[in-house]
Amino acid sequence: MEKQKFMKCFSKSENKTLVAISKAMPILVLLLVLSVSCQKEVKEIEITSDDYHKAVDKVTEVMVHDIFSPPVASRIYNYANIAAYEVIRQEGNNYKTLASQLHELRPVPKADTTKNINYKLSALVAYLEVGKSLLFSEDRVEAYRDSLYNSWKLQNEETFNDSKTYGLQVAEHIKNWYATDNYAQTRTMPKFSVNTDDPSRWQPTPPDYMDGIEPHWKEIRPSIIDSSSQFKPARYPDFSLEKDTPFYKELMETYEVGQKIKEEGEDSEKLEIAQFWDCNPYVSTHKGHLMFATKKITPGAHWIGICKIACKKTNADFAKTVFAYTKTSIAIADAFISCWDEKYRSNLIRPETLINQHIDENWTPVLQTPPFPEYTSGHSVVSGAASTVLTDIFGDNFAFDDDTELQYGLPVRSFKSFNKAADEAAISRLYGGIHYRAAIDLGLDQGRSLGSFVVRKLKMNSSNSGVASSN
């Protein structure tokens, strides 16, 4: 028994040598050697939930640098978190595989139980490897990853090597899966054709008059919803510029709200709300011949930030943290597919265009109008979906302080629940002057219906309830 106890102090290769020595050395002498050698203790690699938060933050930082559009950013979060989840669920908790639950996802390779695998380390390796592969500036992730690798290797080289090998195996599996989601094919599809003959159809907006972003996003394979059109929203009011019609009234509401906010100036809370939830990854500013851009997070990234806040507030363990990010990411990614399906089907013109054409040629919205059709509101759909899933995980009436936008110079805002935050995120689009009321209200309905579907259908733990799985 003493011999076995001491043998644990050594790596597998060292153990082979010691076994050979033991055959030629009296046991008491061998135990003395082992006792002295064990004084050089092999450290276990300690990894916490905070390490995972930092990895997610690093990927977000690089996405902001690379200026990914909201739909594409959601795809990155989705696959990277799924890779980590499929690793950590094998650690011995109650979480179930997503294989066969997500479209075309086969079971990931099983871990070799004869190896010294640290599942948390493997999960981080898988997350960073998949995330890196979907970013442009891979070197920025590699520098961060290598600093972790060097630290882990110094602590326990054998565990590090075994864990890294397994994490890379799972990452490769997920990379092969995402390669079949039609993303590559959509890169070569034609640009969106603008219909200038129909006054209700979307037209590029100032100041850059960019082409419509991701017009073929509905072709991306969803993760859990049946199809991109499964949650097709109710129709918006029929287009009309007649003053007593519902559509025209919504147009005037957007115009008048924007005018009032400008009159109130910097003290307007509606202005603060609009700016807080702007989440436009690329805002361009033109001053004479000078043009410069401001980079910020996407709507999906904001809700990923809220997921982080909830995990930290509840002291969620590593597995629960990965679970929360993954379930939220799946909802966000499918919400963008659902929303973009409707955007380019309805192809509705933005308020800014109509107001400049028919009401006030000098009017500008509080926020810069994003370069894609109006209906439904992307932030509303995504906020509805994400808030529904987060409520399922952490409970209703979960109060939190949202400091996600501090890095962009915006103050903390407090919310009594995820649903209240979603309500504010949605109405911010009216305050910002970039949406009509129907896109906001019906967009929230669309997102919440989709989020409820994710909660019902996605079985990720024994009770299919995030709250019940808390540790």
Protein backbone atom coordinates (compact mmCIF):
# COMPACT_ATOMS: atom_id res chain seq x y z
CA MET A 1 0.00 0.00 0.00
CA GLU A 2 2.81 2.45 0.85
CA LYS A 3 4.46 1.65 -2.43
CA GLN A 4 1.28 2.36 -4.39
CA LYS A 5 0.76 5.61 -2.53
CA PHE A 6 4.20 6.88 -3.39
CA MET A 7 3.96 5.76 -7.01
CA LYS A 8 1.15 8.30 -7.53
CA CYS A 9 3.69 11.06 -7.19
CA PHE A 10 5.22 10.23 -10.54
CA SER A 11 4.29 10.30 -14.19
CA LYS A 12 3.63 7.10 -16.12
CA SER A 13 7.12 7.09 -17.67
CA GLU A 14 8.71 7.62 -14.26
CA ASN A 15 6.64 4.79 -12.80
CA LYS A 16 8.00 2.34 -15.39
CA THR A 17 11.54 3.22 -14.33
CA LEU A 18 10.68 2.82 -10.67
CA VAL A 19 9.13 -0.59 -11.25
CA ALA A 20 12.34 -1.74 -12.89
CA ILE A 21 14.43 -0.34 -10.01
CA SER A 22 12.22 -2.02 -7.44
CA LYS A 23 13.08 -5.45 -8.78
CA ALA A 24 16.73 -4.89 -7.97
CA MET A 25 16.40 -2.83 -4.80
CA PRO A 26 15.16 -3.81 -1.35
CA ILE A 27 11.72 -2.36 -0.65
CA LEU A 28 12.86 -0.25 2.31
CA VAL A 29 15.53 1.47 0.21
CA LEU A 30 12.99 2.04 -2.58
CA LEU A 31 10.51 3.61 -0.19
CA LEU A 32 13.24 5.91 1.09
CA VAL A 33 13.96 7.04 -2.48
CA LEU A 34 10.27 7.53 -3.15
CA SER A 35 9.83 9.49 0.07
CA VAL A 36 12.58 11.92 -0.88
CA SER A 37 11.36 12.23 -4.48
CA CYS A 38 7.77 12.91 -3.43
CA GLN A 39 8.87 16.06 -1.74
CA LYS A 40 8.81 17.55 -5.25
CA GLU A 41 5.03 17.52 -5.45
CA VAL A 42 3.31 17.50 -8.84
CA LYS A 43 0.68 20.26 -8.86
CA GLU A 44 -2.86 19.80 -10.00
CA ILE A 45 -3.94 22.39 -12.56
CA GLU A 46 -6.65 24.49 -10.99
CA ILE A 47 -9.16 26.07 -13.36
CA THR A 48 -12.18 28.11 -12.30
CA SER A 49 -15.29 29.61 -13.83
CA ASP A 50 -13.45 32.90 -14.05
CA ASP A 51 -10.96 31.33 -16.46
CA TYR A 52 -13.86 30.48 -18.77
CA HIS A 53 -15.28 34.01 -18.51
CA LYS A 54 -11.87 35.37 -19.49
CA ALA A 55 -11.74 33.09 -22.53
CA VAL A 56 -15.19 34.24 -23.65
CA ASP A 57 -14.14 37.85 -23.12
CA LYS A 58 -11.04 37.30 -25.26
CA VAL A 59 -13.10 35.94 -28.15
CA THR A 60 -15.50 38.88 -27.79
CA GLU A 61 -12.58 41.31 -27.82
CA VAL A 62 -11.26 39.84 -31.07
CA MET A 63 -14.74 39.82 -32.64
CA VAL A 64 -15.04 43.54 -31.92
CA HIS A 65 -11.61 44.12 -33.45
CA ASP A 66 -12.52 42.12 -36.55
CA ILE A 67 -15.95 43.83 -36.90
CA PHE A 68 -18.15 40.78 -37.28
CA SER A 69 -21.80 41.40 -38.11
CA PRO A 70 -24.36 40.37 -35.47
CA PRO A 71 -25.42 37.12 -37.20
CA VAL A 72 -21.85 35.99 -37.84
CA ALA A 73 -20.81 36.82 -34.27
CA SER A 74 -23.64 34.65 -32.95
CA ARG A 75 -22.31 31.71 -34.96
CA ILE A 76 -18.88 32.05 -33.33
CA TYR A 77 -20.26 32.00 -29.79
CA ASN A 78 -22.50 29.08 -30.62
CA TYR A 79 -19.91 26.64 -31.92
CA ALA A 80 -17.18 27.58 -29.44
CA ASN A 81 -19.46 27.10 -26.43
CA ILE A 82 -20.89 23.83 -27.76
CA ALA A 83 -17.35 22.48 -28.09
CA ALA A 84 -16.59 23.33 -24.46
CA TYR A 85 -19.91 21.94 -23.28
CA GLU A 86 -19.42 18.57 -24.97
CA VAL A 87 -16.14 18.25 -23.07
CA ILE A 88 -17.16 19.38 -19.61
CA ARG A 89 -20.34 17.31 -19.51
CA GLN A 90 -18.08 14.22 -19.33
CA GLU A 91 -16.60 15.33 -16.02
CA GLY A 92 -19.26 13.41 -14.13
CA ASN A 93 -22.10 15.92 -13.76
CA ASN A 94 -25.73 15.57 -14.87
CA TYR A 95 -25.40 17.34 -18.20
CA LYS A 96 -26.43 15.47 -21.34
CA THR A 97 -24.84 15.42 -24.75
CA LEU A 98 -26.17 17.69 -27.49
CA ALA A 99 -25.48 15.03 -30.10
CA SER A 100 -28.69 14.07 -31.90
CA GLN A 101 -30.40 17.08 -30.30
CA LEU A 102 -28.71 19.63 -32.55
CA HIS A 103 -29.08 19.19 -36.28
CA GLU A 104 -26.46 16.82 -37.74
CA LEU A 105 -24.26 16.85 -34.63
CA ARG A 106 -22.75 13.39 -34.07
CA PRO A 107 -21.29 12.28 -30.72
CA VAL A 108 -17.89 13.77 -30.01
CA PRO A 109 -14.91 11.43 -29.41
CA LYS A 110 -14.97 9.97 -25.91
CA ALA A 111 -12.20 10.83 -23.52
CA ASP A 112 -9.56 8.17 -22.88
CA THR A 113 -10.08 7.36 -19.21
CA THR A 114 -6.57 5.93 -18.92
CA LYS A 115 -5.17 9.43 -19.47
CA ASN A 116 -4.77 12.21 -16.92
CA ILE A 117 -7.44 14.48 -18.35
CA ASN A 118 -8.47 17.70 -16.68
CA TYR A 119 -11.88 18.28 -18.28
CA LYS A 120 -11.96 21.97 -17.46
CA LEU A 121 -8.64 22.45 -19.21
CA SER A 122 -9.84 20.41 -22.19
CA ALA A 123 -13.02 22.49 -22.37
CA LEU A 124 -11.01 25.71 -22.48
CA VAL A 125 -8.74 24.26 -25.17
CA ALA A 126 -11.78 23.29 -27.25
CA TYR A 127 -13.43 26.68 -26.77
CA LEU A 128 -10.35 28.67 -27.80
CA GLU A 129 -9.51 26.38 -30.72
CA VAL A 130 -13.01 26.57 -32.23
CA GLY A 131 -13.34 30.27 -31.49
CA LYS A 132 -9.93 31.00 -33.03
CA SER A 133 -10.79 29.08 -36.19
CA LEU A 134 -13.84 31.30 -36.79
CA LEU A 135 -12.05 34.63 -36.29
CA PHE A 136 -9.91 36.65 -38.68
CA SER A 137 -7.27 37.73 -36.17
CA GLU A 138 -6.31 34.26 -35.03
CA ASP A 139 -2.97 35.51 -33.76
CA ARG A 140 -4.70 37.51 -31.01
CA VAL A 141 -6.31 34.36 -29.64
CA GLU A 142 -3.15 32.34 -30.14
CA ALA A 143 -1.12 34.75 -28.00
CA TYR A 144 -3.68 34.45 -25.19
CA ARG A 145 -3.90 30.67 -25.60
CA ASP A 146 -0.14 30.20 -25.57
CA SER A 147 0.19 32.12 -22.30
CA LEU A 148 -2.30 29.66 -20.77
CA TYR A 149 -0.54 26.68 -22.30
CA ASN A 150 2.81 27.74 -20.85
CA SER A 151 1.32 28.19 -17.38
CA TRP A 152 -0.50 24.86 -17.43
CA LYS A 153 2.52 22.99 -18.75
CA LEU A 154 4.69 24.26 -15.91
CA GLN A 155 2.14 23.11 -13.35
CA ASN A 156 1.69 19.57 -14.64
CA GLU A 157 3.07 18.69 -18.05
CA GLU A 158 1.51 15.24 -18.33
CA THR A 159 -1.99 16.40 -17.41
CA PHE A 160 -1.62 19.38 -19.69
CA ASN A 161 -0.60 17.26 -22.68
CA ASP A 162 -3.35 14.69 -22.17
CA SER A 163 -5.99 17.36 -21.64
CA LYS A 164 -4.85 19.46 -24.56
CA THR A 165 -4.89 16.45 -26.87
CA TYR A 166 -8.48 15.65 -25.94
CA GLY A 167 -9.65 19.25 -26.19
CA LEU A 168 -8.22 19.47 -29.70
CA GLN A 169 -9.95 16.23 -30.68
CA VAL A 170 -13.33 17.62 -29.69
CA ALA A 171 -12.56 20.96 -31.36
CA GLU A 172 -11.74 19.17 -34.61
CA HIS A 173 -15.03 17.30 -34.39
CA ILE A 174 -16.99 20.54 -33.96
CA LYS A 175 -15.04 22.20 -36.76
CA ASN A 176 -16.02 19.38 -39.11
CA TRP A 177 -19.64 19.85 -38.02
CA TYR A 178 -19.77 23.59 -38.54
CA ALA A 179 -18.15 23.19 -41.96
CA THR A 180 -21.46 21.71 -43.17
CA ASP A 181 -23.80 24.50 -41.99
CA ASN A 182 -23.86 26.29 -45.40
CA TYR A 183 -21.88 29.28 -44.16
CA ALA A 184 -19.13 28.77 -46.76
CA GLN A 185 -21.71 28.55 -49.53
CA THR A 186 -23.37 31.81 -48.50
CA ARG A 187 -20.03 33.62 -48.92
CA THR A 188 -20.33 33.22 -52.69
CA MET A 189 -24.04 33.95 -53.07
CA PRO A 190 -25.04 37.19 -54.83
CA LYS A 191 -25.50 40.52 -53.07
CA PHE A 192 -28.98 41.63 -52.15
CA SER A 193 -30.78 43.39 -55.01
CA VAL A 194 -32.43 46.66 -54.02
CA ASN A 195 -35.94 47.18 -55.41
CA THR A 196 -36.28 50.90 -56.11
CA ASP A 197 -39.64 50.51 -57.90
CA ASP A 198 -41.55 49.56 -54.74
CA PRO A 199 -41.65 52.42 -52.17
CA SER A 200 -42.10 49.96 -49.29
CA ARG A 201 -38.85 48.10 -49.94
CA TRP A 202 -35.59 48.60 -48.13
CA GLN A 203 -32.97 50.95 -49.48
CA PRO A 204 -29.39 51.52 -48.22
CA THR A 205 -29.20 54.22 -45.55
CA PRO A 206 -26.76 57.01 -44.62
CA PRO A 207 -23.99 57.67 -44.02
CA ASP A 208 -22.31 54.79 -45.88
CA TYR A 209 -25.21 53.37 -47.92
CA MET A 210 -23.88 49.87 -47.40
CA ASP A 211 -25.26 46.77 -49.10
CA GLY A 212 -27.66 44.64 -47.11
CA ILE A 213 -25.69 42.47 -44.66
CA GLU A 214 -26.09 38.68 -44.77
CA PRO A 215 -29.11 38.46 -47.10
CA HIS A 216 -28.74 34.66 -47.24
CA TRP A 217 -28.46 34.02 -43.50
CA LYS A 218 -31.68 32.01 -43.54
CA GLU A 219 -29.69 29.36 -45.42
CA ILE A 220 -27.49 28.72 -42.39
CA ARG A 221 -28.36 25.45 -40.69
CA PRO A 222 -30.07 26.22 -37.36
CA SER A 223 -29.03 24.41 -34.20
CA ILE A 224 -32.35 23.45 -32.64
CA ILE A 225 -35.31 25.11 -34.40
CA ASP A 226 -36.84 23.11 -37.24
CA SER A 227 -36.28 25.73 -39.92
CA SER A 228 -35.53 29.43 -40.37
CA SER A 229 -39.23 30.11 -40.95
CA GLN A 230 -40.58 28.15 -37.96
CA PHE A 231 -41.19 31.31 -35.95
CA LYS A 232 -42.35 33.55 -38.74
CA PRO A 233 -43.87 36.59 -36.99
CA ALA A 234 -47.28 38.13 -37.53
CA ARG A 235 -47.38 40.64 -40.35
CA TYR A 236 -46.62 44.30 -39.73
CA PRO A 237 -49.26 46.92 -40.66
CA ASP A 238 -49.74 47.25 -44.40
CA PHE A 239 -47.45 49.83 -45.91
CA SER A 240 -49.21 53.14 -46.47
CA LEU A 241 -48.34 56.83 -46.40
CA GLU A 242 -51.95 57.82 -45.81
CA LYS A 243 -52.08 59.79 -42.56
CA ASP A 244 -54.78 57.81 -40.77
CA THR A 245 -53.34 54.36 -41.46
CA PRO A 246 -51.62 52.24 -38.77
CA PHE A 247 -48.34 52.16 -40.69
CA TYR A 248 -48.15 55.92 -41.10
CA LYS A 249 -48.95 56.41 -37.43
CA GLU A 250 -46.04 54.16 -36.51
CA LEU A 251 -43.78 56.11 -38.86
CA MET A 252 -44.80 59.38 -37.23
CA GLU A 253 -44.28 57.88 -33.77
CA THR A 254 -40.67 57.07 -34.63
CA TYR A 255 -40.15 60.57 -35.99
CA GLU A 256 -41.77 62.36 -33.05
CA VAL A 257 -40.03 60.29 -30.38
CA GLY A 258 -36.71 61.06 -32.02
CA GLN A 259 -37.49 64.77 -32.15
CA LYS A 260 -38.45 64.86 -28.48
CA ILE A 261 -35.27 63.07 -27.43
CA LYS A 262 -33.20 65.64 -29.31
CA GLU A 263 -35.08 68.46 -27.61
CA GLU A 264 -34.45 66.94 -24.18
CA GLY A 265 -30.75 66.67 -24.94
CA GLU A 266 -28.17 64.81 -22.89
CA ASP A 267 -30.49 64.58 -19.86
CA SER A 268 -32.94 62.34 -21.70
CA GLU A 269 -33.20 58.87 -20.17
CA LYS A 270 -34.51 57.62 -23.51
CA LEU A 271 -31.26 58.79 -25.09
CA GLU A 272 -29.31 56.88 -22.44
CA ILE A 273 -31.38 53.76 -23.10
CA ALA A 274 -30.90 54.04 -26.86
CA GLN A 275 -27.14 54.40 -26.51
CA PHE A 276 -26.85 51.64 -23.91
CA TRP A 277 -28.45 49.07 -26.21
CA ASP A 278 -27.01 50.40 -29.48
CA CYS A 279 -24.70 47.37 -29.94
CA ASN A 280 -23.77 48.35 -33.48
CA PRO A 281 -20.42 46.69 -34.28
CA TYR A 282 -19.46 49.42 -36.76
CA VAL A 283 -20.62 53.03 -36.41
CA SER A 284 -19.02 55.38 -38.94
CA THR A 285 -18.68 59.10 -38.36
CA HIS A 286 -18.16 61.59 -41.20
CA LYS A 287 -16.75 65.06 -40.58
CA GLY A 288 -15.89 66.83 -43.79
CA HIS A 289 -13.33 64.68 -45.57
CA LEU A 290 -12.58 62.76 -42.38
CA MET A 291 -14.22 59.44 -41.64
CA PHE A 292 -13.60 57.28 -38.59
CA ALA A 293 -15.32 54.26 -37.11
CA THR A 294 -16.30 53.19 -33.62
CA LYS A 295 -16.27 49.46 -32.89
CA LYS A 296 -18.61 47.96 -30.33
CA ILE A 297 -20.16 44.65 -29.31
CA THR A 298 -23.15 43.12 -31.10
CA PRO A 299 -26.60 42.51 -29.54
CA GLY A 300 -25.68 38.85 -29.05
CA ALA A 301 -22.45 39.82 -27.31
CA HIS A 302 -24.39 42.06 -24.93
CA TRP A 303 -26.56 39.12 -23.87
CA ILE A 304 -23.49 36.90 -23.56
CA GLY A 305 -22.23 39.59 -21.19
CA ILE A 306 -25.46 39.39 -19.21
CA CYS A 307 -25.03 35.61 -18.99
CA LYS A 308 -21.59 36.24 -17.49
CA ILE A 309 -23.07 38.64 -14.93
CA ALA A 310 -25.67 36.04 -13.87
CA CYS A 311 -23.07 33.28 -13.58
CA LYS A 312 -20.80 35.41 -11.43
CA LYS A 313 -23.64 36.65 -9.22
CA THR A 314 -24.74 33.07 -8.48
CA ASN A 315 -21.17 31.77 -8.11
CA ALA A 316 -21.93 29.18 -10.78
CA ASP A 317 -19.35 26.40 -10.94
CA PHE A 318 -17.40 25.71 -14.12
CA ALA A 319 -19.87 23.21 -15.60
CA LYS A 320 -22.90 25.38 -14.83
CA THR A 321 -21.12 28.37 -16.39
CA VAL A 322 -20.39 26.52 -19.62
CA PHE A 323 -23.95 25.18 -19.65
CA ALA A 324 -25.41 28.68 -19.29
CA TYR A 325 -23.26 30.17 -22.03
CA THR A 326 -24.04 27.27 -24.36
CA LYS A 327 -27.80 27.26 -23.96
CA THR A 328 -27.90 31.05 -24.32
CA SER A 329 -25.67 30.93 -27.39
CA ILE A 330 -27.87 28.35 -29.08
CA ALA A 331 -30.94 30.54 -28.56
CA ILE A 332 -29.14 33.66 -29.81
CA ALA A 333 -27.78 31.95 -32.92
CA ASP A 334 -31.14 30.50 -33.92
CA ALA A 335 -32.82 33.83 -33.15
CA PHE A 336 -30.63 35.55 -35.72
CA ILE A 337 -31.45 32.90 -38.32
CA SER A 338 -35.17 33.33 -37.60
CA CYS A 339 -35.00 37.12 -37.65
CA TRP A 340 -32.92 37.37 -40.82
CA ASP A 341 -35.33 35.01 -42.56
CA GLU A 342 -38.08 37.57 -41.95
CA LYS A 343 -35.95 40.63 -42.66
CA TYR A 344 -35.20 39.68 -46.22
CA ARG A 345 -38.64 38.18 -46.84
CA SER A 346 -40.57 41.31 -45.82
CA ASN A 347 -37.75 43.61 -47.02
CA LEU A 348 -39.33 46.62 -45.31
CA ILE A 349 -37.97 50.13 -45.68
CA ARG A 350 -36.35 51.84 -42.68
CA PRO A 351 -37.95 54.86 -40.93
CA GLU A 352 -34.98 57.10 -41.76
CA THR A 353 -35.53 56.70 -45.49
CA LEU A 354 -39.27 57.45 -45.39
CA ILE A 355 -38.90 60.36 -42.98
CA ASN A 356 -36.25 61.98 -45.17
CA GLN A 357 -38.36 61.43 -48.28
CA HIS A 358 -41.77 62.50 -47.00
CA ILE A 359 -41.55 64.31 -43.64
CA ASP A 360 -38.23 65.99 -42.88
CA GLU A 361 -35.24 65.77 -45.21
CA ASN A 362 -32.85 66.88 -42.46
CA TRP A 363 -33.98 64.38 -39.82
CA THR A 364 -31.46 61.88 -38.53
CA PRO A 365 -32.07 59.06 -36.05
CA VAL A 366 -30.47 59.03 -32.61
CA LEU A 367 -28.63 55.84 -33.58
CA GLN A 368 -27.05 55.01 -36.90
CA THR A 369 -29.40 52.84 -38.95
CA PRO A 370 -27.93 49.34 -39.46
CA PRO A 371 -27.49 48.13 -43.07
CA PHE A 372 -30.33 45.63 -43.49
CA PRO A 373 -34.14 45.66 -43.77
CA GLU A 374 -36.31 46.83 -40.90
CA TYR A 375 -38.72 44.03 -39.97
CA THR A 376 -38.38 42.46 -37.43
CA SER A 377 -36.05 44.17 -34.98
CA GLY A 378 -32.98 41.98 -34.52
CA HIS A 379 -32.30 43.23 -31.01
CA SER A 380 -35.91 42.54 -30.04
CA VAL A 381 -35.86 38.98 -31.36
CA VAL A 382 -32.48 38.14 -29.83
CA SER A 383 -33.35 39.79 -26.51
CA GLY A 384 -36.63 37.89 -26.33
CA ALA A 385 -34.89 34.57 -26.97
CA ALA A 386 -31.90 35.14 -24.68
CA SER A 387 -33.96 36.50 -21.79
CA THR A 388 -36.31 33.52 -21.95
CA VAL A 389 -33.45 31.03 -21.76
CA LEU A 390 -31.64 32.94 -19.01
CA THR A 391 -34.87 33.08 -17.00
CA ASP A 392 -35.13 29.30 -17.30
CA ILE A 393 -31.55 28.90 -16.06
CA PHE A 394 -31.41 31.46 -13.26
CA GLY A 395 -35.07 32.04 -12.41
CA ASP A 396 -37.57 34.85 -12.85
CA ASN A 397 -37.18 38.17 -11.02
CA PHE A 398 -33.41 37.78 -11.18
CA ALA A 399 -32.22 41.33 -10.43
CA PHE A 400 -28.84 42.36 -11.80
CA ASP A 401 -26.67 45.35 -12.62
CA ASP A 402 -25.67 45.39 -16.26
CA ASP A 403 -22.16 46.76 -16.62
CA THR A 404 -21.60 45.28 -20.08
CA GLU A 405 -21.23 48.69 -21.72
CA LEU A 406 -18.84 50.25 -19.19
CA GLN A 407 -15.91 49.67 -21.52
CA TYR A 408 -17.66 51.91 -24.07
CA GLY A 409 -18.13 54.75 -21.62
CA LEU A 410 -21.77 54.00 -20.80
CA PRO A 411 -23.08 53.79 -17.21
CA VAL A 412 -24.40 50.69 -15.47
CA ARG A 413 -28.12 50.03 -15.80
CA SER A 414 -30.07 47.92 -13.31
CA PHE A 415 -32.89 45.50 -14.09
CA LYS A 416 -35.31 43.53 -11.97
CA SER A 417 -35.32 40.57 -14.36
CA PHE A 418 -34.01 39.34 -17.69
CA ASN A 419 -37.43 39.99 -19.20
CA LYS A 420 -37.36 43.63 -18.05
CA ALA A 421 -33.96 44.00 -19.68
CA ALA A 422 -35.33 42.52 -22.90
CA ASP A 423 -38.26 44.94 -22.83
CA GLU A 424 -35.87 47.87 -22.55
CA ALA A 425 -33.53 46.52 -25.23
CA ALA A 426 -36.48 46.27 -27.61
CA ILE A 427 -37.95 49.72 -26.98
CA SER A 428 -34.48 51.22 -27.33
CA ARG A 429 -34.83 50.70 -31.07
CA LEU A 430 -37.79 53.09 -31.16
CA TYR A 431 -35.84 55.63 -29.09
CA GLY A 432 -32.93 55.20 -31.45
CA GLY A 433 -35.12 56.01 -34.46
CA ILE A 434 -34.27 52.84 -36.36
CA HIS A 435 -37.49 50.82 -36.02
CA TYR A 436 -41.27 51.06 -36.07
CA ARG A 437 -43.35 49.86 -33.13
CA ALA A 438 -44.50 46.63 -34.83
CA ALA A 439 -40.94 45.43 -35.44
CA ILE A 440 -40.25 45.86 -31.73
CA ASP A 441 -43.37 44.31 -30.22
CA LEU A 442 -43.76 41.48 -32.71
CA GLY A 443 -40.00 40.94 -32.70
CA LEU A 444 -40.09 40.36 -28.93
CA ASP A 445 -42.95 37.89 -29.42
CA GLN A 446 -40.96 36.10 -32.10
CA GLY A 447 -37.88 35.84 -29.89
CA ARG A 448 -39.75 34.72 -26.79
CA SER A 449 -41.58 32.03 -28.73
CA LEU A 450 -38.28 30.78 -30.08
CA GLY A 451 -36.66 30.94 -26.64
CA SER A 452 -39.53 28.94 -25.12
CA PHE A 453 -39.05 26.33 -27.84
CA VAL A 454 -35.36 26.04 -26.95
CA VAL A 455 -36.24 25.61 -23.27
CA ARG A 456 -38.81 22.90 -24.04
CA LYS A 457 -36.92 20.92 -26.63
CA LEU A 458 -33.28 21.16 -25.56
CA LYS A 459 -32.55 18.58 -22.86
CA MET A 460 -29.19 19.43 -21.38
CA ASN A 461 -29.55 18.02 -17.86
CA SER A 462 -31.60 15.47 -15.95
CA SER A 463 -34.45 17.85 -15.11
CA ASN A 464 -34.19 19.97 -18.31
CA SER A 465 -34.15 22.99 -16.02
CA GLY A 466 -31.19 25.25 -15.51
CA VAL A 467 -32.40 26.26 -12.05
CA ALA A 468 -32.56 22.66 -10.88
CA SER A 469 -29.02 22.00 -12.09
CA SER A 470 -27.45 24.70 -9.93
CA ASN A 471 -24.75 23.54 -7.54
